[in-house]
Amino acid sequence: VPSLSALRKRARTPMPEGGATVAALVVGNPLLPEEVREENGWPEIASSAETEAGIVAELLEARPLT
């Protein structure tokens, strides 16, 4: 998973002509059952996850699922 700073740098770098198309699935603030989180060692989703998903989606010219 790229960091926001890496995505910002990528957004400022011009794509070469005929460059590949990027497809992205950006998910923010998913609802996961407690047992799934515990089984995988995942913490509670931070309240900022939805905001971060919006930023990532904007950088990738995608629409976030929130």
C-alpha atoms as a PDB file:
ATOM      1  CA  VAL A   1       0.000   0.000   0.000  1.00  0.00           C
ATOM      2  CA  PRO A   2       1.641   3.242  -1.075  1.00  0.00           C
ATOM      3  CA  SER A   3       1.902   6.091   1.378  1.00  0.00           C
ATOM      4  CA  LEU A   4       0.196   9.411   0.705  1.00  0.00           C
ATOM      5  CA  SER A   5       3.581  11.077   0.149  1.00  0.00           C
ATOM      6  CA  ALA A   6       4.497   8.466  -2.484  1.00  0.00           C
ATOM      7  CA  LEU A   7       1.159   8.985  -4.215  1.00  0.00           C
ATOM      8  CA  ARG A   8       1.613  12.775  -4.195  1.00  0.00           C
ATOM      9  CA  LYS A   9       5.048  12.403  -5.782  1.00  0.00           C
ATOM     10  CA  ARG A  10       3.589  10.055  -8.392  1.00  0.00           C
ATOM     11  CA  ALA A  11       0.808  12.536  -9.147  1.00  0.00           C
ATOM     12  CA  ARG A  12       3.394  15.229  -9.939  1.00  0.00           C
ATOM     13  CA  THR A  13       5.399  12.935 -12.218  1.00  0.00           C
ATOM     14  CA  PRO A  14       4.201  13.112 -15.825  1.00  0.00           C
ATOM     15  CA  MET A  15       3.093   9.810 -17.308  1.00  0.00           C
ATOM     16  CA  PRO A  16       4.901   8.808 -20.506  1.00  0.00           C
ATOM     17  CA  GLU A  17       2.802   8.800 -23.660  1.00  0.00           C
ATOM     18  CA  GLY A  18       0.965   5.543 -24.052  1.00  0.00           C
ATOM     19  CA  GLY A  19       1.455   4.890 -20.330  1.00  0.00           C
ATOM     20  CA  ALA A  20      -0.495   2.183 -18.601  1.00  0.00           C
ATOM     21  CA  THR A  21      -3.920   2.879 -17.179  1.00  0.00           C
ATOM     22  CA  VAL A  22      -4.230   2.529 -13.418  1.00  0.00           C
ATOM     23  CA  ALA A  23      -7.269   0.913 -11.839  1.00  0.00           C
ATOM     24  CA  ALA A  24      -7.760   1.311  -8.111  1.00  0.00           C
ATOM     25  CA  LEU A  25     -10.212   0.178  -5.484  1.00  0.00           C
ATOM     26  CA  VAL A  26     -10.048   2.638  -2.597  1.00  0.00           C
ATOM     27  CA  VAL A  27     -11.969   1.607   0.513  1.00  0.00           C
ATOM     28  CA  GLY A  28     -12.222   3.804   3.580  1.00  0.00           C
ATOM     29  CA  ASN A  29     -13.884   3.142   6.895  1.00  0.00           C
ATOM     30  CA  PRO A  30     -14.938  -0.476   6.269  1.00  0.00           C
ATOM     31  CA  LEU A  31     -17.157  -2.207   8.811  1.00  0.00           C
ATOM     32  CA  LEU A  32     -15.470  -5.399   9.945  1.00  0.00           C
ATOM     33  CA  PRO A  33     -16.815  -7.843  12.514  1.00  0.00           C
ATOM     34  CA  GLU A  34     -14.851  -7.789  15.765  1.00  0.00           C
ATOM     35  CA  GLU A  35     -13.922 -11.476  15.421  1.00  0.00           C
ATOM     36  CA  VAL A  36     -12.387 -10.817  11.976  1.00  0.00           C
ATOM     37  CA  ARG A  37     -10.323  -7.903  13.334  1.00  0.00           C
ATOM     38  CA  GLU A  38      -9.153  -9.954  16.328  1.00  0.00           C
ATOM     39  CA  GLU A  39      -8.348 -13.022  14.219  1.00  0.00           C
ATOM     40  CA  ASN A  40      -6.133 -10.945  11.912  1.00  0.00           C
ATOM     41  CA  GLY A  41      -4.702  -8.637  14.568  1.00  0.00           C
ATOM     42  CA  TRP A  42      -6.248  -5.571  12.964  1.00  0.00           C
ATOM     43  CA  PRO A  43      -7.006  -2.553  15.171  1.00  0.00           C
ATOM     44  CA  GLU A  44     -10.227  -0.548  15.137  1.00  0.00           C
ATOM     45  CA  ILE A  45     -10.502   1.528  11.971  1.00  0.00           C
ATOM     46  CA  ALA A  46      -9.321   5.063  12.668  1.00  0.00           C
ATOM     47  CA  SER A  47     -11.872   7.806  12.204  1.00  0.00           C
ATOM     48  CA  SER A  48      -9.473   9.398   9.728  1.00  0.00           C
ATOM     49  CA  ALA A  49      -9.646   6.362   7.407  1.00  0.00           C
ATOM     50  CA  GLU A  50     -12.543   7.804   5.418  1.00  0.00           C
ATOM     51  CA  THR A  51     -10.737  11.125   4.942  1.00  0.00           C
ATOM     52  CA  GLU A  52      -7.545   9.364   3.898  1.00  0.00           C
ATOM     53  CA  ALA A  53      -9.466   7.215   1.405  1.00  0.00           C
ATOM     54  CA  GLY A  54     -10.865  10.400  -0.141  1.00  0.00           C
ATOM     55  CA  ILE A  55      -7.377  11.858  -0.521  1.00  0.00           C
ATOM     56  CA  VAL A  56      -5.995   8.657  -2.054  1.00  0.00           C
ATOM     57  CA  ALA A  57      -8.955   8.370  -4.429  1.00  0.00           C
ATOM     58  CA  GLU A  58      -8.508  11.968  -5.558  1.00  0.00           C
ATOM     59  CA  LEU A  59      -4.812  11.380  -6.261  1.00  0.00           C
ATOM     60  CA  LEU A  60      -5.659   8.260  -8.275  1.00  0.00           C
ATOM     61  CA  GLU A  61      -8.639   9.900  -9.975  1.00  0.00           C
ATOM     62  CA  ALA A  62     -10.913   7.230  -8.519  1.00  0.00           C
ATOM     63  CA  ARG A  63     -14.056   7.221  -6.400  1.00  0.00           C
ATOM     64  CA  PRO A  64     -13.679   5.917  -2.842  1.00  0.00           C
ATOM     65  CA  LEU A  65     -15.993   3.365  -1.276  1.00  0.00           C
ATOM     66  CA  THR A  66     -16.792   4.687   2.183  1.00  0.00           C
END
